[in-house]
Amino acid sequence: MSVSLDALDPALRAFVHTVCSEGARLADGRTLDWPQQRAIAEAVRTPWRAGGPVMAETTTHRIAGESGGFTVRVHRPQGSSARAPALVYLHGGGWCLFSLDTHDRLMRELAERAGVVVIGVDYALAPEHPYPVALEQCIDAIRALRERPEAFGFDASRLALGGDSAGANLALATALRLRDVGAHAGIEALLLLYGAFDTALDADSVHTLGTAEDMLSADEMAAYWRAYLGPDASTCRDGYAVPAHAELHELPPTLLLWGERDVLAAQNATMATRLRAAGVHVDAHAYPRTPHSFIEAMSTSEIARDALSRGAGWLRSHLAVTQDACA
């Protein structure tokens, strides 16, 4: 067993081994294009999104945005009302992979545990749709939700933005854009899970946490950035694309969760520090012996379930979830 895998919590070690070995089996040594990679990613994640809470209602809606039409999926937990607040959730996958399906259980878990409506955005993927298409669609989603909250059944004055990995990047970038155009009122919280905030990786992390045997390698992360931003990704200083270069003032209270055995761990810690320095109310927690994407192992990992509960508690607190919102 590799040193990297051996350093993980046993349940998460099994998760990483299963996901990576199944992905390698399906790839069968081939060089894959992005559609082929997506098909394998969907297949590998299928068992890990099974089960979980049963929603009172799940609906899909089509939104016609300036950057192209897209779908949102609305999860309404048992006992919620039209007065319930909402979390707009953006899935990870390096801006190139994954979908509302791969993250369906994660969204349902947050909906039930927090007592909020969770709205997943099926944004367009890179490299076919490079920056800023996905970000523009996230902005379009917020605009549409605010314009017709009755069609989606939630309180548009109490919204949170959240996401994991590339989705955490998009959630933070969406908050920055809304702030800069004076449209951030009503965004009450950010939930950022092991986010990709900087094209530059910590040098020590590259060698110890970002190898080919890790859940997310340094080479994979570089490929994702290039697909999203183009060949000059490493020199991009656009704060909406690379939030490490953004001014971070006047953002809502933010919870950052990440694993210490993640090649992105150092930049998550740095982001928490920078947000605090900018006057943002921040809570942050790094889970020991935990890799990238660990929350997806919620069916087998107590650590993943703890992270879900921590995130749900943050949402309940900052969205002021009350009995009347769940009645």
C-alpha atoms as a PDB file:
ATOM      1  CA  MET A   1       0.000   0.000   0.000  1.00  0.00           C
ATOM      2  CA  SER A   2       1.298   3.478  -0.836  1.00  0.00           C
ATOM      3  CA  VAL A   3       2.390   5.843   1.908  1.00  0.00           C
ATOM      4  CA  SER A   4      -0.227   8.317   0.722  1.00  0.00           C
ATOM      5  CA  LEU A   5      -3.114   5.854   1.028  1.00  0.00           C
ATOM      6  CA  ASP A   6      -1.816   4.446   4.285  1.00  0.00           C
ATOM      7  CA  ALA A   7      -2.034   7.916   5.848  1.00  0.00           C
ATOM      8  CA  LEU A   8      -5.806   8.073   5.352  1.00  0.00           C
ATOM      9  CA  ASP A   9      -8.626   7.167   7.695  1.00  0.00           C
ATOM     10  CA  PRO A  10      -9.482   3.500   6.926  1.00  0.00           C
ATOM     11  CA  ALA A  11     -12.970   4.192   5.571  1.00  0.00           C
ATOM     12  CA  LEU A  12     -11.635   6.936   3.325  1.00  0.00           C
ATOM     13  CA  ARG A  13      -8.689   4.795   2.269  1.00  0.00           C
ATOM     14  CA  ALA A  14     -11.187   2.227   0.993  1.00  0.00           C
ATOM     15  CA  PHE A  15     -13.163   4.976  -0.769  1.00  0.00           C
ATOM     16  CA  VAL A  16     -10.106   6.316  -2.595  1.00  0.00           C
ATOM     17  CA  HIS A  17      -8.911   2.828  -3.528  1.00  0.00           C
ATOM     18  CA  THR A  18     -12.336   1.830  -4.874  1.00  0.00           C
ATOM     19  CA  VAL A  19     -12.896   5.013  -6.865  1.00  0.00           C
ATOM     20  CA  CYS A  20      -9.405   5.112  -8.349  1.00  0.00           C
ATOM     21  CA  SER A  21      -9.180   1.396  -9.160  1.00  0.00           C
ATOM     22  CA  GLU A  22     -12.610   1.359 -10.791  1.00  0.00           C
ATOM     23  CA  GLY A  23     -11.744   4.444 -12.818  1.00  0.00           C
ATOM     24  CA  ALA A  24      -8.515   2.811 -13.972  1.00  0.00           C
ATOM     25  CA  ARG A  25     -10.362  -0.407 -14.870  1.00  0.00           C
ATOM     26  CA  LEU A  26     -12.878   1.447 -17.015  1.00  0.00           C
ATOM     27  CA  ALA A  27     -10.186   3.568 -18.673  1.00  0.00           C
ATOM     28  CA  ASP A  28      -8.245   0.379 -19.483  1.00  0.00           C
ATOM     29  CA  GLY A  29      -5.062   2.270 -20.327  1.00  0.00           C
ATOM     30  CA  ARG A  30      -6.705   4.419 -22.995  1.00  0.00           C
ATOM     31  CA  THR A  31      -6.102   8.136 -23.534  1.00  0.00           C
ATOM     32  CA  LEU A  32      -9.554   9.581 -22.960  1.00  0.00           C
ATOM     33  CA  ASP A  33     -11.171  12.737 -24.260  1.00  0.00           C
ATOM     34  CA  TRP A  34     -13.369  14.803 -21.930  1.00  0.00           C
ATOM     35  CA  PRO A  35     -16.696  13.134 -22.869  1.00  0.00           C
ATOM     36  CA  GLN A  36     -15.131   9.724 -22.205  1.00  0.00           C
ATOM     37  CA  GLN A  37     -13.725  10.923 -18.887  1.00  0.00           C
ATOM     38  CA  ARG A  38     -17.168  12.223 -17.913  1.00  0.00           C
ATOM     39  CA  ALA A  39     -18.828   8.902 -18.705  1.00  0.00           C
ATOM     40  CA  ILE A  40     -16.344   7.049 -16.506  1.00  0.00           C
ATOM     41  CA  ALA A  41     -16.642   9.617 -13.706  1.00  0.00           C
ATOM     42  CA  GLU A  42     -20.425   9.200 -13.720  1.00  0.00           C
ATOM     43  CA  ALA A  43     -20.164   5.412 -13.626  1.00  0.00           C
ATOM     44  CA  VAL A  44     -17.577   5.376 -10.835  1.00  0.00           C
ATOM     45  CA  ARG A  45     -19.613   7.738  -8.650  1.00  0.00           C
ATOM     46  CA  THR A  46     -22.950   5.942  -9.120  1.00  0.00           C
ATOM     47  CA  PRO A  47     -22.686   3.651  -6.058  1.00  0.00           C
ATOM     48  CA  TRP A  48     -21.604   6.537  -3.839  1.00  0.00           C
ATOM     49  CA  ARG A  49     -24.678   8.666  -4.532  1.00  0.00           C
ATOM     50  CA  ALA A  50     -27.163   5.882  -3.821  1.00  0.00           C
ATOM     51  CA  GLY A  51     -29.423   5.965  -0.776  1.00  0.00           C
ATOM     52  CA  GLY A  52     -29.755   8.870   1.596  1.00  0.00           C
ATOM     53  CA  PRO A  53     -32.728  11.039   2.522  1.00  0.00           C
ATOM     54  CA  VAL A  54     -36.009  10.910   0.633  1.00  0.00           C
ATOM     55  CA  MET A  55     -37.168  14.373  -0.348  1.00  0.00           C
ATOM     56  CA  ALA A  56     -40.702  15.666  -0.084  1.00  0.00           C
ATOM     57  CA  GLU A  57     -40.283  16.833  -3.664  1.00  0.00           C
ATOM     58  CA  THR A  58     -37.566  17.073  -6.299  1.00  0.00           C
ATOM     59  CA  THR A  59     -38.235  19.134  -9.409  1.00  0.00           C
ATOM     60  CA  THR A  60     -36.233  20.348 -12.403  1.00  0.00           C
ATOM     61  CA  HIS A  61     -36.526  23.722 -14.075  1.00  0.00           C
ATOM     62  CA  ARG A  62     -35.039  25.183 -17.238  1.00  0.00           C
ATOM     63  CA  ILE A  63     -33.440  28.627 -17.041  1.00  0.00           C
ATOM     64  CA  ALA A  64     -32.720  30.670 -20.146  1.00  0.00           C
ATOM     65  CA  GLY A  65     -29.518  32.563 -19.389  1.00  0.00           C
ATOM     66  CA  GLU A  66     -27.413  34.943 -21.457  1.00  0.00           C
ATOM     67  CA  SER A  67     -24.655  32.310 -21.628  1.00  0.00           C
ATOM     68  CA  GLY A  68     -27.063  29.574 -22.722  1.00  0.00           C
ATOM     69  CA  GLY A  69     -29.922  27.652 -21.159  1.00  0.00           C
ATOM     70  CA  PHE A  70     -29.324  25.250 -18.300  1.00  0.00           C
ATOM     71  CA  THR A  71     -31.204  23.182 -15.733  1.00  0.00           C
ATOM     72  CA  VAL A  72     -31.547  23.529 -11.985  1.00  0.00           C
ATOM     73  CA  ARG A  73     -32.657  20.722  -9.680  1.00  0.00           C
ATOM     74  CA  VAL A  74     -34.657  21.684  -6.595  1.00  0.00           C
ATOM     75  CA  HIS A  75     -34.644  19.404  -3.546  1.00  0.00           C
ATOM     76  CA  ARG A  76     -37.322  20.169  -0.967  1.00  0.00           C
ATOM     77  CA  PRO A  77     -36.872  18.267   2.316  1.00  0.00           C
ATOM     78  CA  GLN A  78     -39.685  16.728   4.305  1.00  0.00           C
ATOM     79  CA  GLY A  79     -41.607  19.294   6.357  1.00  0.00           C
ATOM     80  CA  SER A  80     -40.326  22.397   4.548  1.00  0.00           C
ATOM     81  CA  SER A  81     -42.590  25.236   3.478  1.00  0.00           C
ATOM     82  CA  ALA A  82     -42.536  28.016   0.899  1.00  0.00           C
ATOM     83  CA  ARG A  83     -40.897  30.147   3.615  1.00  0.00           C
ATOM     84  CA  ALA A  84     -37.819  27.926   3.775  1.00  0.00           C
ATOM     85  CA  PRO A  85     -34.456  29.477   2.875  1.00  0.00           C
ATOM     86  CA  ALA A  86     -32.343  27.944   0.135  1.00  0.00           C
ATOM     87  CA  LEU A  87     -28.807  26.824  -0.613  1.00  0.00           C
ATOM     88  CA  VAL A  88     -27.700  27.208  -4.232  1.00  0.00           C
ATOM     89  CA  TYR A  89     -25.194  24.383  -4.695  1.00  0.00           C
ATOM     90  CA  LEU A  90     -22.495  24.090  -7.369  1.00  0.00           C
ATOM     91  CA  HIS A  91     -20.972  20.659  -7.887  1.00  0.00           C
ATOM     92  CA  GLY A  92     -17.262  19.989  -8.220  1.00  0.00           C
ATOM     93  CA  GLY A  93     -15.348  18.148 -10.911  1.00  0.00           C
ATOM     94  CA  GLY A  94     -12.678  20.567 -12.082  1.00  0.00           C
ATOM     95  CA  TRP A  95     -15.233  22.576 -14.117  1.00  0.00           C
ATOM     96  CA  CYS A  96     -15.000  19.645 -16.582  1.00  0.00           C
ATOM     97  CA  LEU A  97     -16.603  16.592 -14.926  1.00  0.00           C
ATOM     98  CA  PHE A  98     -19.518  15.489 -12.738  1.00  0.00           C
ATOM     99  CA  SER A  99     -23.109  16.610 -12.686  1.00  0.00           C
ATOM    100  CA  LEU A 100     -26.240  17.066 -10.628  1.00  0.00           C
ATOM    101  CA  ASP A 101     -26.475  13.262 -10.575  1.00  0.00           C
ATOM    102  CA  THR A 102     -23.026  12.625  -9.089  1.00  0.00           C
ATOM    103  CA  HIS A 103     -23.795  15.124  -6.310  1.00  0.00           C
ATOM    104  CA  ASP A 104     -27.459  14.283  -5.837  1.00  0.00           C
ATOM    105  CA  ARG A 105     -27.078  12.544  -2.485  1.00  0.00           C
ATOM    106  CA  LEU A 106     -24.779  15.263  -1.137  1.00  0.00           C
ATOM    107  CA  MET A 107     -27.434  17.868  -1.958  1.00  0.00           C
ATOM    108  CA  ARG A 108     -30.231  15.777  -0.439  1.00  0.00           C
ATOM    109  CA  GLU A 109     -28.207  15.244   2.726  1.00  0.00           C
ATOM    110  CA  LEU A 110     -27.669  18.972   3.134  1.00  0.00           C
ATOM    111  CA  ALA A 111     -31.338  19.679   2.432  1.00  0.00           C
ATOM    112  CA  GLU A 112     -32.572  17.294   5.126  1.00  0.00           C
ATOM    113  CA  ARG A 113     -29.895  18.021   7.716  1.00  0.00           C
ATOM    114  CA  ALA A 114     -30.216  21.813   7.401  1.00  0.00           C
ATOM    115  CA  GLY A 115     -33.948  22.001   6.728  1.00  0.00           C
ATOM    116  CA  VAL A 116     -33.380  24.137   3.621  1.00  0.00           C
ATOM    117  CA  VAL A 117     -34.289  23.883  -0.029  1.00  0.00           C
ATOM    118  CA  VAL A 118     -31.190  22.934  -2.030  1.00  0.00           C
ATOM    119  CA  ILE A 119     -30.977  24.063  -5.636  1.00  0.00           C
ATOM    120  CA  GLY A 120     -28.278  22.466  -7.787  1.00  0.00           C
ATOM    121  CA  VAL A 121     -27.107  24.274 -10.916  1.00  0.00           C
ATOM    122  CA  ASP A 122     -26.248  22.167 -13.971  1.00  0.00           C
ATOM    123  CA  TYR A 123     -23.731  24.653 -15.359  1.00  0.00           C
ATOM    124  CA  ALA A 124     -22.004  24.089 -18.703  1.00  0.00           C
ATOM    125  CA  LEU A 125     -18.676  22.246 -18.533  1.00  0.00           C
ATOM    126  CA  ALA A 126     -15.234  23.143 -19.818  1.00  0.00           C
ATOM    127  CA  PRO A 127     -13.329  22.917 -22.078  1.00  0.00           C
ATOM    128  CA  GLU A 128     -16.264  23.092 -24.486  1.00  0.00           C
ATOM    129  CA  HIS A 129     -17.599  25.983 -22.406  1.00  0.00           C
ATOM    130  CA  PRO A 130     -14.588  27.774 -20.884  1.00  0.00           C
ATOM    131  CA  TYR A 131     -14.574  30.594 -18.350  1.00  0.00           C
ATOM    132  CA  PRO A 132     -16.687  32.644 -17.821  1.00  0.00           C
ATOM    133  CA  VAL A 133     -19.639  30.551 -19.062  1.00  0.00           C
ATOM    134  CA  ALA A 134     -20.167  28.536 -15.858  1.00  0.00           C
ATOM    135  CA  LEU A 135     -19.849  31.642 -13.690  1.00  0.00           C
ATOM    136  CA  GLU A 136     -22.295  33.581 -15.857  1.00  0.00           C
ATOM    137  CA  GLN A 137     -24.790  30.739 -15.559  1.00  0.00           C
ATOM    138  CA  CYS A 138     -24.431  30.786 -11.779  1.00  0.00           C
ATOM    139  CA  ILE A 139     -25.235  34.506 -11.832  1.00  0.00           C
ATOM    140  CA  ASP A 140     -28.170  33.838 -14.160  1.00  0.00           C
ATOM    141  CA  ALA A 141     -29.431  31.168 -11.754  1.00  0.00           C
ATOM    142  CA  ILE A 142     -29.428  33.612  -8.821  1.00  0.00           C
ATOM    143  CA  ARG A 143     -31.213  36.204 -10.941  1.00  0.00           C
ATOM    144  CA  ALA A 144     -33.912  33.764 -12.052  1.00  0.00           C
ATOM    145  CA  LEU A 145     -34.423  32.425  -8.529  1.00  0.00           C
ATOM    146  CA  ARG A 146     -34.844  35.924  -7.170  1.00  0.00           C
ATOM    147  CA  GLU A 147     -37.225  36.981  -9.928  1.00  0.00           C
ATOM    148  CA  ARG A 148     -39.592  34.013  -9.474  1.00  0.00           C
ATOM    149  CA  PRO A 149     -39.136  32.563  -5.980  1.00  0.00           C
ATOM    150  CA  GLU A 150     -42.745  31.393  -5.930  1.00  0.00           C
ATOM    151  CA  ALA A 151     -42.025  29.103  -8.896  1.00  0.00           C
ATOM    152  CA  PHE A 152     -39.275  27.402  -6.900  1.00  0.00           C
ATOM    153  CA  GLY A 153     -40.935  27.606  -3.490  1.00  0.00           C
ATOM    154  CA  PHE A 154     -38.453  29.266  -1.138  1.00  0.00           C
ATOM    155  CA  ASP A 155     -37.666  32.551   0.621  1.00  0.00           C
ATOM    156  CA  ALA A 156     -35.487  34.500  -1.824  1.00  0.00           C
ATOM    157  CA  SER A 157     -34.351  36.895   0.911  1.00  0.00           C
ATOM    158  CA  ARG A 158     -32.410  34.089   2.631  1.00  0.00           C
ATOM    159  CA  LEU A 159     -29.944  32.420   0.289  1.00  0.00           C
ATOM    160  CA  ALA A 160     -26.641  30.639   0.768  1.00  0.00           C
ATOM    161  CA  LEU A 161     -24.098  29.717  -1.874  1.00  0.00           C
ATOM    162  CA  GLY A 162     -22.123  26.506  -1.631  1.00  0.00           C
ATOM    163  CA  GLY A 163     -20.027  24.061  -3.560  1.00  0.00           C
ATOM    164  CA  ASP A 164     -17.144  21.620  -3.488  1.00  0.00           C
ATOM    165  CA  SER A 165     -13.777  21.856  -5.243  1.00  0.00           C
ATOM    166  CA  ALA A 166     -14.389  23.724  -8.533  1.00  0.00           C
ATOM    167  CA  GLY A 167     -17.920  24.334  -7.261  1.00  0.00           C
ATOM    168  CA  ALA A 168     -16.504  26.127  -4.220  1.00  0.00           C
ATOM    169  CA  ASN A 169     -14.527  28.304  -6.634  1.00  0.00           C
ATOM    170  CA  LEU A 170     -17.763  29.125  -8.489  1.00  0.00           C
ATOM    171  CA  ALA A 171     -19.679  29.788  -5.264  1.00  0.00           C
ATOM    172  CA  LEU A 172     -17.062  32.245  -4.039  1.00  0.00           C
ATOM    173  CA  ALA A 173     -16.754  33.856  -7.479  1.00  0.00           C
ATOM    174  CA  THR A 174     -20.541  34.250  -7.667  1.00  0.00           C
ATOM    175  CA  ALA A 175     -20.555  35.994  -4.293  1.00  0.00           C
ATOM    176  CA  LEU A 176     -17.755  38.293  -5.482  1.00  0.00           C
ATOM    177  CA  ARG A 177     -19.613  39.199  -8.669  1.00  0.00           C
ATOM    178  CA  LEU A 178     -22.862  39.853  -6.814  1.00  0.00           C
ATOM    179  CA  ARG A 179     -21.011  42.048  -4.326  1.00  0.00           C
ATOM    180  CA  ASP A 180     -19.334  44.054  -7.069  1.00  0.00           C
ATOM    181  CA  VAL A 181     -22.610  44.807  -8.861  1.00  0.00           C
ATOM    182  CA  GLY A 182     -24.421  45.654  -5.625  1.00  0.00           C
ATOM    183  CA  ALA A 183     -26.660  42.576  -5.768  1.00  0.00           C
ATOM    184  CA  HIS A 184     -25.346  40.656  -2.744  1.00  0.00           C
ATOM    185  CA  ALA A 185     -28.160  41.511  -0.313  1.00  0.00           C
ATOM    186  CA  GLY A 186     -29.833  38.334   0.877  1.00  0.00           C
ATOM    187  CA  ILE A 187     -26.768  36.117   0.378  1.00  0.00           C
ATOM    188  CA  GLU A 188     -26.399  35.145   4.013  1.00  0.00           C
ATOM    189  CA  ALA A 189     -23.716  32.445   4.000  1.00  0.00           C
ATOM    190  CA  LEU A 190     -21.063  30.623   1.983  1.00  0.00           C
ATOM    191  CA  LEU A 191     -20.309  26.905   2.341  1.00  0.00           C
ATOM    192  CA  LEU A 192     -16.974  26.113   0.675  1.00  0.00           C
ATOM    193  CA  LEU A 193     -15.824  22.487   0.621  1.00  0.00           C
ATOM    194  CA  TYR A 194     -12.171  21.802  -0.316  1.00  0.00           C
ATOM    195  CA  GLY A 195     -12.145  24.620  -2.824  1.00  0.00           C
ATOM    196  CA  ALA A 196      -9.886  25.271  -5.824  1.00  0.00           C
ATOM    197  CA  PHE A 197      -8.919  28.892  -5.254  1.00  0.00           C
ATOM    198  CA  ASP A 198      -5.439  29.256  -6.756  1.00  0.00           C
ATOM    199  CA  THR A 199      -3.722  27.950  -9.883  1.00  0.00           C
ATOM    200  CA  ALA A 200      -0.466  27.750  -7.909  1.00  0.00           C
ATOM    201  CA  LEU A 201      -0.168  24.690  -5.693  1.00  0.00           C
ATOM    202  CA  ASP A 202       1.912  24.535  -2.540  1.00  0.00           C
ATOM    203  CA  ALA A 203       5.225  22.952  -3.575  1.00  0.00           C
ATOM    204  CA  ASP A 204       5.411  20.500  -0.669  1.00  0.00           C
ATOM    205  CA  SER A 205       1.804  19.445  -1.256  1.00  0.00           C
ATOM    206  CA  VAL A 206       2.509  18.644  -4.896  1.00  0.00           C
ATOM    207  CA  HIS A 207       5.100  16.039  -3.889  1.00  0.00           C
ATOM    208  CA  THR A 208       3.376  14.612  -0.821  1.00  0.00           C
ATOM    209  CA  LEU A 209      -0.366  14.956  -1.478  1.00  0.00           C
ATOM    210  CA  GLY A 210      -0.757  15.460  -5.223  1.00  0.00           C
ATOM    211  CA  THR A 211       0.751  12.278  -6.668  1.00  0.00           C
ATOM    212  CA  ALA A 212      -0.866   9.927  -9.150  1.00  0.00           C
ATOM    213  CA  GLU A 213      -1.923   7.733  -6.216  1.00  0.00           C
ATOM    214  CA  ASP A 214      -3.872  10.528  -4.503  1.00  0.00           C
ATOM    215  CA  MET A 215      -7.545  11.345  -4.959  1.00  0.00           C
ATOM    216  CA  LEU A 216      -6.606  14.556  -6.794  1.00  0.00           C
ATOM    217  CA  SER A 217      -3.176  14.835  -8.367  1.00  0.00           C
ATOM    218  CA  ALA A 218      -1.268  18.020  -9.142  1.00  0.00           C
ATOM    219  CA  ASP A 219      -1.275  17.081 -12.842  1.00  0.00           C
ATOM    220  CA  GLU A 220      -5.050  16.617 -12.843  1.00  0.00           C
ATOM    221  CA  MET A 221      -5.562  19.988 -11.171  1.00  0.00           C
ATOM    222  CA  ALA A 222      -3.339  21.708 -13.725  1.00  0.00           C
ATOM    223  CA  ALA A 223      -5.295  20.076 -16.562  1.00  0.00           C
ATOM    224  CA  TYR A 224      -8.572  21.276 -15.069  1.00  0.00           C
ATOM    225  CA  TRP A 225      -7.323  24.850 -14.781  1.00  0.00           C
ATOM    226  CA  ARG A 226      -6.111  24.799 -18.412  1.00  0.00           C
ATOM    227  CA  ALA A 227      -9.451  23.429 -19.600  1.00  0.00           C
ATOM    228  CA  TYR A 228     -11.297  26.147 -17.685  1.00  0.00           C
ATOM    229  CA  LEU A 229      -9.044  29.144 -18.357  1.00  0.00           C
ATOM    230  CA  GLY A 230      -6.992  28.190 -21.410  1.00  0.00           C
ATOM    231  CA  PRO A 231      -3.266  27.586 -21.942  1.00  0.00           C
ATOM    232  CA  ASP A 232      -2.263  30.685 -19.956  1.00  0.00           C
ATOM    233  CA  ALA A 233      -4.166  29.584 -16.833  1.00  0.00           C
ATOM    234  CA  SER A 234      -1.093  29.729 -14.603  1.00  0.00           C
ATOM    235  CA  THR A 235      -0.686  33.472 -15.217  1.00  0.00           C
ATOM    236  CA  CYS A 236      -4.375  34.413 -14.881  1.00  0.00           C
ATOM    237  CA  ARG A 237      -4.964  37.134 -12.274  1.00  0.00           C
ATOM    238  CA  ASP A 238      -8.722  37.531 -12.771  1.00  0.00           C
ATOM    239  CA  GLY A 239     -10.156  37.314  -9.254  1.00  0.00           C
ATOM    240  CA  TYR A 240     -13.475  35.925 -10.483  1.00  0.00           C
ATOM    241  CA  ALA A 241     -11.638  33.026 -12.143  1.00  0.00           C
ATOM    242  CA  VAL A 242      -8.891  32.605  -9.533  1.00  0.00           C
ATOM    243  CA  PRO A 243     -10.249  33.894  -6.203  1.00  0.00           C
ATOM    244  CA  ALA A 244      -6.753  33.841  -4.661  1.00  0.00           C
ATOM    245  CA  HIS A 245      -6.285  37.129  -6.537  1.00  0.00           C
ATOM    246  CA  ALA A 246      -9.614  38.704  -5.496  1.00  0.00           C
ATOM    247  CA  GLU A 247     -10.378  41.388  -2.944  1.00  0.00           C
ATOM    248  CA  LEU A 248     -12.395  39.569  -0.285  1.00  0.00           C
ATOM    249  CA  HIS A 249     -14.137  42.332   1.676  1.00  0.00           C
ATOM    250  CA  GLU A 250     -17.901  42.466   2.329  1.00  0.00           C
ATOM    251  CA  LEU A 251     -18.552  38.782   1.794  1.00  0.00           C
ATOM    252  CA  PRO A 252     -21.087  36.823   3.843  1.00  0.00           C
ATOM    253  CA  PRO A 253     -20.108  34.553   6.741  1.00  0.00           C
ATOM    254  CA  THR A 254     -18.119  31.661   5.325  1.00  0.00           C
ATOM    255  CA  LEU A 255     -17.487  28.076   6.403  1.00  0.00           C
ATOM    256  CA  LEU A 256     -14.516  26.296   4.818  1.00  0.00           C
ATOM    257  CA  LEU A 257     -14.075  22.542   5.257  1.00  0.00           C
ATOM    258  CA  TRP A 258     -11.231  20.518   3.774  1.00  0.00           C
ATOM    259  CA  GLY A 259      -9.093  17.449   4.312  1.00  0.00           C
ATOM    260  CA  GLU A 260      -5.505  17.705   5.503  1.00  0.00           C
ATOM    261  CA  ARG A 261      -4.453  15.028   2.979  1.00  0.00           C
ATOM    262  CA  ASP A 262      -5.587  17.113  -0.012  1.00  0.00           C
ATOM    263  CA  VAL A 263      -3.264  18.809  -2.497  1.00  0.00           C
ATOM    264  CA  LEU A 264      -5.586  21.836  -2.120  1.00  0.00           C
ATOM    265  CA  ALA A 265      -5.350  21.899   1.685  1.00  0.00           C
ATOM    266  CA  ALA A 266      -2.753  24.685   1.874  1.00  0.00           C
ATOM    267  CA  GLN A 267      -4.735  27.037  -0.353  1.00  0.00           C
ATOM    268  CA  ASN A 268      -7.896  26.429   1.661  1.00  0.00           C
ATOM    269  CA  ALA A 269      -6.035  27.392   4.840  1.00  0.00           C
ATOM    270  CA  THR A 270      -4.667  30.468   3.083  1.00  0.00           C
ATOM    271  CA  MET A 271      -8.126  31.451   1.871  1.00  0.00           C
ATOM    272  CA  ALA A 272      -9.518  31.190   5.408  1.00  0.00           C
ATOM    273  CA  THR A 273      -6.734  33.472   6.651  1.00  0.00           C
ATOM    274  CA  ARG A 274      -7.275  36.015   3.869  1.00  0.00           C
ATOM    275  CA  LEU A 275     -11.016  36.088   4.394  1.00  0.00           C
ATOM    276  CA  ARG A 276     -10.541  36.788   8.101  1.00  0.00           C
ATOM    277  CA  ALA A 277      -8.033  39.529   7.305  1.00  0.00           C
ATOM    278  CA  ALA A 278     -10.641  41.099   5.007  1.00  0.00           C
ATOM    279  CA  GLY A 279     -13.130  41.251   7.888  1.00  0.00           C
ATOM    280  CA  VAL A 280     -15.253  38.264   6.877  1.00  0.00           C
ATOM    281  CA  HIS A 281     -16.703  36.087   9.639  1.00  0.00           C
ATOM    282  CA  VAL A 282     -15.042  32.714   9.020  1.00  0.00           C
ATOM    283  CA  ASP A 283     -15.295  29.257  10.493  1.00  0.00           C
ATOM    284  CA  ALA A 284     -12.825  26.711   9.151  1.00  0.00           C
ATOM    285  CA  HIS A 285     -12.051  23.090   9.886  1.00  0.00           C
ATOM    286  CA  ALA A 286      -9.417  20.787   8.410  1.00  0.00           C
ATOM    287  CA  TYR A 287     -10.106  17.086   8.891  1.00  0.00           C
ATOM    288  CA  PRO A 288      -7.033  14.933   9.613  1.00  0.00           C
ATOM    289  CA  ARG A 289      -6.319  11.809   7.533  1.00  0.00           C
ATOM    290  CA  THR A 290      -8.797  12.990   4.931  1.00  0.00           C
ATOM    291  CA  PRO A 291      -8.373  13.385   1.117  1.00  0.00           C
ATOM    292  CA  HIS A 292      -9.986  15.512  -1.532  1.00  0.00           C
ATOM    293  CA  SER A 293     -13.678  14.763  -2.191  1.00  0.00           C
ATOM    294  CA  PHE A 294     -14.006  12.905   1.126  1.00  0.00           C
ATOM    295  CA  ILE A 295     -17.611  14.003   1.731  1.00  0.00           C
ATOM    296  CA  GLU A 296     -18.694  11.823  -1.189  1.00  0.00           C
ATOM    297  CA  ALA A 297     -17.926   8.828   1.054  1.00  0.00           C
ATOM    298  CA  MET A 298     -20.828   9.746   3.353  1.00  0.00           C
ATOM    299  CA  SER A 299     -22.341   6.259   3.127  1.00  0.00           C
ATOM    300  CA  THR A 300     -19.294   4.661   4.762  1.00  0.00           C
ATOM    301  CA  SER A 301     -17.344   7.425   6.514  1.00  0.00           C
ATOM    302  CA  GLU A 302     -18.190   8.936   9.889  1.00  0.00           C
ATOM    303  CA  ILE A 303     -15.817  11.819   9.081  1.00  0.00           C
ATOM    304  CA  ALA A 304     -17.806  12.630   5.940  1.00  0.00           C
ATOM    305  CA  ARG A 305     -21.043  12.554   7.918  1.00  0.00           C
ATOM    306  CA  ASP A 306     -19.540  14.859  10.531  1.00  0.00           C
ATOM    307  CA  ALA A 307     -18.612  17.336   7.786  1.00  0.00           C
ATOM    308  CA  LEU A 308     -22.164  17.216   6.436  1.00  0.00           C
ATOM    309  CA  SER A 309     -23.560  17.881   9.904  1.00  0.00           C
ATOM    310  CA  ARG A 310     -21.121  20.738  10.443  1.00  0.00           C
ATOM    311  CA  GLY A 311     -22.078  22.312   7.130  1.00  0.00           C
ATOM    312  CA  ALA A 312     -25.786  21.841   7.805  1.00  0.00           C
ATOM    313  CA  GLY A 313     -25.453  23.442  11.240  1.00  0.00           C
ATOM    314  CA  TRP A 314     -23.722  26.430   9.674  1.00  0.00           C
ATOM    315  CA  LEU A 315     -26.544  26.821   7.176  1.00  0.00           C
ATOM    316  CA  ARG A 316     -29.240  26.526   9.849  1.00  0.00           C
ATOM    317  CA  SER A 317     -27.563  29.164  11.972  1.00  0.00           C
ATOM    318  CA  HIS A 318     -26.875  31.720   9.255  1.00  0.00           C
ATOM    319  CA  LEU A 319     -30.103  31.230   7.324  1.00  0.00           C
ATOM    320  CA  ALA A 320     -32.133  31.441  10.550  1.00  0.00           C
ATOM    321  CA  VAL A 321     -33.972  28.192   9.895  1.00  0.00           C
ATOM    322  CA  THR A 322     -37.016  28.105  12.183  1.00  0.00           C
ATOM    323  CA  GLN A 323     -39.965  25.813  12.745  1.00  0.00           C
ATOM    324  CA  ASP A 324     -42.229  28.004  10.597  1.00  0.00           C
ATOM    325  CA  ALA A 325     -39.868  27.494   7.658  1.00  0.00           C
ATOM    326  CA  CYS A 326     -40.180  23.723   8.078  1.00  0.00           C
ATOM    327  CA  ALA A 327     -43.897  23.538   8.806  1.00  0.00           C
END
